[in-house]
Structure formats: structure tokens, C-alpha cells
Amino acid sequence: MASLVGYLQRMTALEIIATQTIKTTQAEFIAAEKKLLECERKISHVATLASDSCVVQSIGKQLWKVSTVGLVTLESVIHLDDASGSAIRLSWRQAFKE
């Protein structure tokens, strides 16, 4: 009986840790998505972007790769329309550090 109680205590502790990890990761992911959207909105004014929030790279013909900086890294490829100044997201992915 004592070993069963010990096992249940360990499992409960692991479940609490897992739940907290999920909450923390979700908050970091949401913050990264907000940074990415902000950088995409301001892409037509590349010089005014904060260098600590994202990295912007030209990949040719009005295409730009925007990456967030932080614990969770998101990358998107956007097309910048010169006439209207609007940015259209073409692709999106989460980048994993090696």
C-alpha cells in the first residue's frame, strides 16, 4: 500500500510539472506570434524595427523572411506589395534550435 501511495505521489508531481510546462510554453508561443505580427505589420519600415524582437531578411522579388528572436522562434515568409504597402503572409513555421 505504501508503494502505491508513493507511486501516486510521484505521478501527481509529474503531472503538475507537465501542466506548468505546457502553460509556460503556450505563453511563450503566443508572445512570439505577437512579435511576428508586429514585425510583419512594420515590414515596409524595416529601419524602425526593433532588432531585439525580430530578424528580417530579403529573399528576393518583394519576398521577406521574418524570424522572431527568443525562446520560441517563429519564421514567416511574406510578400510586400509596393503599391499598397501591405504584407501578405505566404508561409509560417516554428523553427527549432539544433
C-alpha atoms as a PDB file:
ATOM      1  CA  MET A   1       0.000   0.000   0.000  1.00  0.00           C
ATOM      2  CA  ALA A   2       2.833   2.393   0.847  1.00  0.00           C
ATOM      3  CA  SER A   3       4.497   1.827  -2.519  1.00  0.00           C
ATOM      4  CA  LEU A   4       1.193   2.557  -4.258  1.00  0.00           C
ATOM      5  CA  VAL A   5       0.851   5.857  -2.374  1.00  0.00           C
ATOM      6  CA  GLY A   6       4.461   6.737  -3.249  1.00  0.00           C
ATOM      7  CA  TYR A   7       3.818   5.944  -6.892  1.00  0.00           C
ATOM      8  CA  LEU A   8       0.682   8.102  -6.939  1.00  0.00           C
ATOM      9  CA  GLN A   9       2.592  10.987  -5.343  1.00  0.00           C
ATOM     10  CA  ARG A  10       5.316  10.803  -7.998  1.00  0.00           C
ATOM     11  CA  MET A  11       2.770  10.636 -10.805  1.00  0.00           C
ATOM     12  CA  THR A  12       0.887  13.626  -9.380  1.00  0.00           C
ATOM     13  CA  ALA A  13       4.117  15.635  -9.127  1.00  0.00           C
ATOM     14  CA  LEU A  14       4.988  14.785 -12.745  1.00  0.00           C
ATOM     15  CA  GLU A  15       1.513  15.807 -13.896  1.00  0.00           C
ATOM     16  CA  ILE A  16       1.820  19.166 -12.105  1.00  0.00           C
ATOM     17  CA  ILE A  17       5.217  19.775 -13.737  1.00  0.00           C
ATOM     18  CA  ALA A  18       3.848  18.833 -17.175  1.00  0.00           C
ATOM     19  CA  THR A  19       0.842  21.133 -16.789  1.00  0.00           C
ATOM     20  CA  GLN A  20       3.045  24.061 -15.742  1.00  0.00           C
ATOM     21  CA  THR A  21       5.417  23.423 -18.656  1.00  0.00           C
ATOM     22  CA  ILE A  22       2.512  23.447 -21.116  1.00  0.00           C
ATOM     23  CA  LYS A  23       1.195  26.747 -19.703  1.00  0.00           C
ATOM     24  CA  THR A  24       4.626  28.382 -19.876  1.00  0.00           C
ATOM     25  CA  THR A  25       5.273  27.179 -23.423  1.00  0.00           C
ATOM     26  CA  GLN A  26       1.863  28.357 -24.622  1.00  0.00           C
ATOM     27  CA  ALA A  27       2.503  31.824 -23.175  1.00  0.00           C
ATOM     28  CA  GLU A  28       5.920  31.988 -24.899  1.00  0.00           C
ATOM     29  CA  PHE A  29       4.379  30.837 -28.186  1.00  0.00           C
ATOM     30  CA  ILE A  30       1.650  33.496 -28.021  1.00  0.00           C
ATOM     31  CA  ALA A  31       4.240  36.189 -27.255  1.00  0.00           C
ATOM     32  CA  ALA A  32       6.355  35.061 -30.246  1.00  0.00           C
ATOM     33  CA  GLU A  33       3.317  35.183 -32.538  1.00  0.00           C
ATOM     34  CA  LYS A  34       2.540  38.733 -31.361  1.00  0.00           C
ATOM     35  CA  LYS A  35       6.157  39.765 -32.083  1.00  0.00           C
ATOM     36  CA  LEU A  36       5.959  38.184 -35.534  1.00  0.00           C
ATOM     37  CA  LEU A  37       2.717  40.003 -36.371  1.00  0.00           C
ATOM     38  CA  GLU A  38       4.189  43.306 -35.204  1.00  0.00           C
ATOM     39  CA  CYS A  39       7.275  42.826 -37.378  1.00  0.00           C
ATOM     40  CA  GLU A  40       5.123  41.884 -40.374  1.00  0.00           C
ATOM     41  CA  ARG A  41       2.978  44.998 -39.933  1.00  0.00           C
ATOM     42  CA  LYS A  42       6.057  47.222 -39.864  1.00  0.00           C
ATOM     43  CA  ILE A  43       7.943  45.457 -42.675  1.00  0.00           C
ATOM     44  CA  SER A  44       7.624  48.430 -45.019  1.00  0.00           C
ATOM     45  CA  HIS A  45       9.656  50.447 -42.483  1.00  0.00           C
ATOM     46  CA  VAL A  46      12.492  47.957 -41.902  1.00  0.00           C
ATOM     47  CA  ALA A  47      14.732  50.604 -40.354  1.00  0.00           C
ATOM     48  CA  THR A  48      12.262  51.202 -37.487  1.00  0.00           C
ATOM     49  CA  LEU A  49      12.004  47.560 -36.408  1.00  0.00           C
ATOM     50  CA  ALA A  50      13.473  46.705 -33.023  1.00  0.00           C
ATOM     51  CA  SER A  51      16.464  44.445 -33.578  1.00  0.00           C
ATOM     52  CA  ASP A  52      15.810  42.533 -30.351  1.00  0.00           C
ATOM     53  CA  SER A  53      12.359  41.343 -31.452  1.00  0.00           C
ATOM     54  CA  CYS A  54      12.888  40.016 -34.974  1.00  0.00           C
ATOM     55  CA  VAL A  55      15.289  39.442 -37.837  1.00  0.00           C
ATOM     56  CA  VAL A  56      14.235  40.480 -41.343  1.00  0.00           C
ATOM     57  CA  GLN A  57      15.975  39.114 -44.438  1.00  0.00           C
ATOM     58  CA  SER A  58      15.233  39.870 -48.072  1.00  0.00           C
ATOM     59  CA  ILE A  59      14.916  36.684 -50.110  1.00  0.00           C
ATOM     60  CA  GLY A  60      14.218  38.440 -53.415  1.00  0.00           C
ATOM     61  CA  LYS A  61      11.408  39.868 -55.536  1.00  0.00           C
ATOM     62  CA  GLN A  62       9.474  41.530 -52.702  1.00  0.00           C
ATOM     63  CA  LEU A  63       9.754  38.403 -50.535  1.00  0.00           C
ATOM     64  CA  TRP A  64      10.956  38.742 -46.966  1.00  0.00           C
ATOM     65  CA  LYS A  65      11.785  36.172 -44.296  1.00  0.00           C
ATOM     66  CA  VAL A  66      10.824  37.386 -40.824  1.00  0.00           C
ATOM     67  CA  SER A  67      12.062  35.481 -37.752  1.00  0.00           C
ATOM     68  CA  THR A  68      11.390  36.199 -34.103  1.00  0.00           C
ATOM     69  CA  VAL A  69      14.153  36.255 -31.519  1.00  0.00           C
ATOM     70  CA  GLY A  70      13.605  34.484 -28.218  1.00  0.00           C
ATOM     71  CA  LEU A  71      12.905  31.150 -26.599  1.00  0.00           C
ATOM     72  CA  VAL A  72      10.287  30.261 -29.210  1.00  0.00           C
ATOM     73  CA  THR A  73      11.361  31.122 -32.747  1.00  0.00           C
ATOM     74  CA  LEU A  74       8.741  31.588 -35.439  1.00  0.00           C
ATOM     75  CA  GLU A  75       9.527  32.258 -39.083  1.00  0.00           C
ATOM     76  CA  SER A  76       7.308  33.527 -41.855  1.00  0.00           C
ATOM     77  CA  VAL A  77       7.772  34.400 -45.495  1.00  0.00           C
ATOM     78  CA  ILE A  78       5.812  37.448 -46.566  1.00  0.00           C
ATOM     79  CA  HIS A  79       5.216  39.264 -49.822  1.00  0.00           C
ATOM     80  CA  LEU A  80       5.352  43.045 -49.633  1.00  0.00           C
ATOM     81  CA  ASP A  81       3.140  44.842 -52.137  1.00  0.00           C
ATOM     82  CA  ASP A  82       4.898  48.087 -53.070  1.00  0.00           C
ATOM     83  CA  ALA A  83       1.768  49.780 -54.347  1.00  0.00           C
ATOM     84  CA  SER A  84      -0.321  49.352 -51.217  1.00  0.00           C
ATOM     85  CA  GLY A  85       2.470  48.735 -48.688  1.00  0.00           C
ATOM     86  CA  SER A  86       0.616  45.714 -47.351  1.00  0.00           C
ATOM     87  CA  ALA A  87       2.277  42.483 -46.322  1.00  0.00           C
ATOM     88  CA  ILE A  88       0.779  39.080 -47.127  1.00  0.00           C
ATOM     89  CA  ARG A  89       1.964  36.041 -45.182  1.00  0.00           C
ATOM     90  CA  LEU A  90       2.795  33.211 -47.571  1.00  0.00           C
ATOM     91  CA  SER A  91       4.119  30.622 -45.145  1.00  0.00           C
ATOM     92  CA  TRP A  92       4.754  30.130 -41.473  1.00  0.00           C
ATOM     93  CA  ARG A  93       6.704  27.666 -39.328  1.00  0.00           C
ATOM     94  CA  GLN A  94       8.197  27.172 -35.924  1.00  0.00           C
ATOM     95  CA  ALA A  95      11.982  26.980 -36.064  1.00  0.00           C
ATOM     96  CA  PHE A  96      13.657  24.568 -33.685  1.00  0.00           C
ATOM     97  CA  LYS A  97      17.150  25.201 -32.401  1.00  0.00           C
ATOM     98  CA  GLU A  98      19.669  22.490 -33.092  1.00  0.00           C
END
